Amino acid sequence: MTPRADRKKQPERTTECAVCHDQVMEFRCKQCHKPVCDDCAFKIEHGAFCSRECAHTYRDFKGDQKPEPRKRRRTSIVLVAVLLVLAALAILARRMGLVPWLAR
């Protein structure tokens, strides 16, 4: 018999709501991680919270973390444009015979 088979199965622990203390938790506050029941949860598009203050704190914190605009796209476009111009100049120089190492 293995040691795991000897262990008794632990009963599932339930956590009570941190606001009303009467009901079983359904959510955890997305800001402070307190257990909250469905009736007490303050729900907004960002998730469930234990209070309006936690919801506002979370929203304000997330609002301050706006991603910086991506500059890679502009850099990629410029790089492609430069390469196309260089390729066009090389083809033109080859056809005109201006550069001996590009000649046929």
Protein backbone atom coordinates (compact mmCIF):
# COMPACT_ATOMS: atom_id res chain seq x y z
CA MET A 1 0.00 0.00 0.00
CA THR A 2 1.39 3.41 -0.91
CA PRO A 3 1.56 6.30 1.54
CA ARG A 4 -0.95 8.23 -0.54
CA ALA A 5 -3.59 5.55 -0.17
CA ASP A 6 -3.32 5.77 3.64
CA ARG A 7 -4.13 9.47 3.75
CA LYS A 8 -7.66 10.53 4.41
CA LYS A 9 -9.16 12.82 1.86
CA GLN A 10 -9.24 16.35 3.23
CA PRO A 11 -12.69 17.95 3.21
CA GLU A 12 -12.99 20.86 0.83
CA ARG A 13 -12.41 24.11 2.71
CA THR A 14 -14.93 26.84 2.16
CA THR A 15 -14.17 30.45 2.74
CA GLU A 16 -16.77 32.89 3.89
CA CYS A 17 -17.36 36.28 2.32
CA ALA A 18 -15.15 39.00 3.82
CA VAL A 19 -17.97 41.55 3.50
CA CYS A 20 -21.11 39.85 4.88
CA HIS A 21 -19.54 36.82 6.62
CA ASP A 22 -22.76 34.87 5.91
CA GLN A 23 -22.22 33.31 2.51
CA VAL A 24 -19.57 31.21 0.81
CA MET A 25 -17.10 33.04 -1.40
CA GLU A 26 -17.73 33.07 -5.14
CA PHE A 27 -14.93 35.44 -6.18
CA ARG A 28 -11.71 36.95 -4.95
CA CYS A 29 -11.34 40.71 -5.14
CA LYS A 30 -9.11 41.43 -8.10
CA GLN A 31 -7.34 44.21 -6.15
CA CYS A 32 -6.91 42.96 -2.57
CA HIS A 33 -7.77 39.25 -3.07
CA LYS A 34 -10.36 39.11 -0.26
CA PRO A 35 -13.06 36.43 -0.65
CA VAL A 36 -16.40 37.88 -1.78
CA CYS A 37 -19.81 36.30 -2.33
CA ASP A 38 -21.92 36.95 -5.42
CA ASP A 39 -24.30 39.29 -3.54
CA CYS A 40 -21.54 41.49 -2.10
CA ALA A 41 -19.24 41.56 -5.13
CA PHE A 42 -18.91 44.92 -6.89
CA LYS A 43 -18.64 43.88 -10.53
CA ILE A 44 -17.31 46.00 -13.38
CA GLU A 45 -15.82 45.15 -16.78
CA HIS A 46 -12.41 44.54 -15.16
CA GLY A 47 -13.70 41.85 -12.77
CA ALA A 48 -15.21 41.41 -9.31
CA PHE A 49 -14.13 43.50 -6.31
CA CYS A 50 -14.94 43.60 -2.60
CA SER A 51 -15.69 47.34 -2.65
CA ARG A 52 -16.06 50.35 -4.89
CA GLU A 53 -12.70 51.64 -3.56
CA CYS A 54 -10.86 48.51 -4.69
CA ALA A 55 -12.54 48.73 -8.11
CA HIS A 56 -11.51 52.38 -8.52
CA THR A 57 -7.98 51.68 -7.32
CA TYR A 58 -7.62 48.81 -9.79
CA ARG A 59 -9.12 50.82 -12.67
CA ASP A 60 -6.89 53.84 -11.93
CA PHE A 61 -3.80 51.63 -11.66
CA LYS A 62 -4.56 49.88 -14.96
CA GLY A 63 -5.33 53.23 -16.61
CA ASP A 64 -1.86 54.49 -15.67
CA GLN A 65 -0.26 51.52 -17.41
CA LYS A 66 -1.19 52.32 -20.97
CA PRO A 67 1.21 50.63 -23.36
CA GLU A 68 3.63 52.85 -25.20
CA PRO A 69 2.87 53.27 -28.88
CA ARG A 70 4.69 50.77 -31.03
CA LYS A 71 7.54 52.24 -33.03
CA ARG A 72 8.55 48.96 -34.63
CA ARG A 73 5.97 49.23 -37.37
CA ARG A 74 7.32 52.57 -38.57
CA THR A 75 10.88 51.26 -38.37
CA SER A 76 9.95 48.20 -40.42
CA ILE A 77 8.25 50.30 -43.08
CA VAL A 78 11.28 52.60 -43.38
CA LEU A 79 13.65 49.62 -43.58
CA VAL A 80 11.60 48.00 -46.36
CA ALA A 81 11.44 51.30 -48.26
CA VAL A 82 15.22 51.77 -48.03
CA LEU A 83 15.85 48.21 -49.22
CA LEU A 84 13.50 48.68 -52.18
CA VAL A 85 15.26 51.91 -53.19
CA LEU A 86 18.68 50.23 -52.93
CA ALA A 87 17.47 47.27 -55.01
CA ALA A 88 16.05 49.61 -57.66
CA LEU A 89 19.34 51.56 -57.81
CA ALA A 90 21.35 48.33 -58.13
CA ILE A 91 19.15 47.11 -61.00
CA LEU A 92 19.43 50.49 -62.73
CA ALA A 93 23.22 50.59 -62.27
CA ARG A 94 23.53 47.05 -63.63
CA ARG A 95 21.48 47.84 -66.76
CA MET A 96 23.45 50.99 -67.45
CA GLY A 97 26.80 49.28 -66.84
CA LEU A 98 27.86 51.91 -64.29
CA VAL A 99 29.26 49.46 -61.78
CA PRO A 100 31.65 46.82 -63.24
CA TRP A 101 31.02 44.17 -60.56
CA LEU A 102 27.28 44.36 -61.28
CA ALA A 103 27.70 44.00 -65.04
CA ARG A 104 26.62 40.80 -66.78
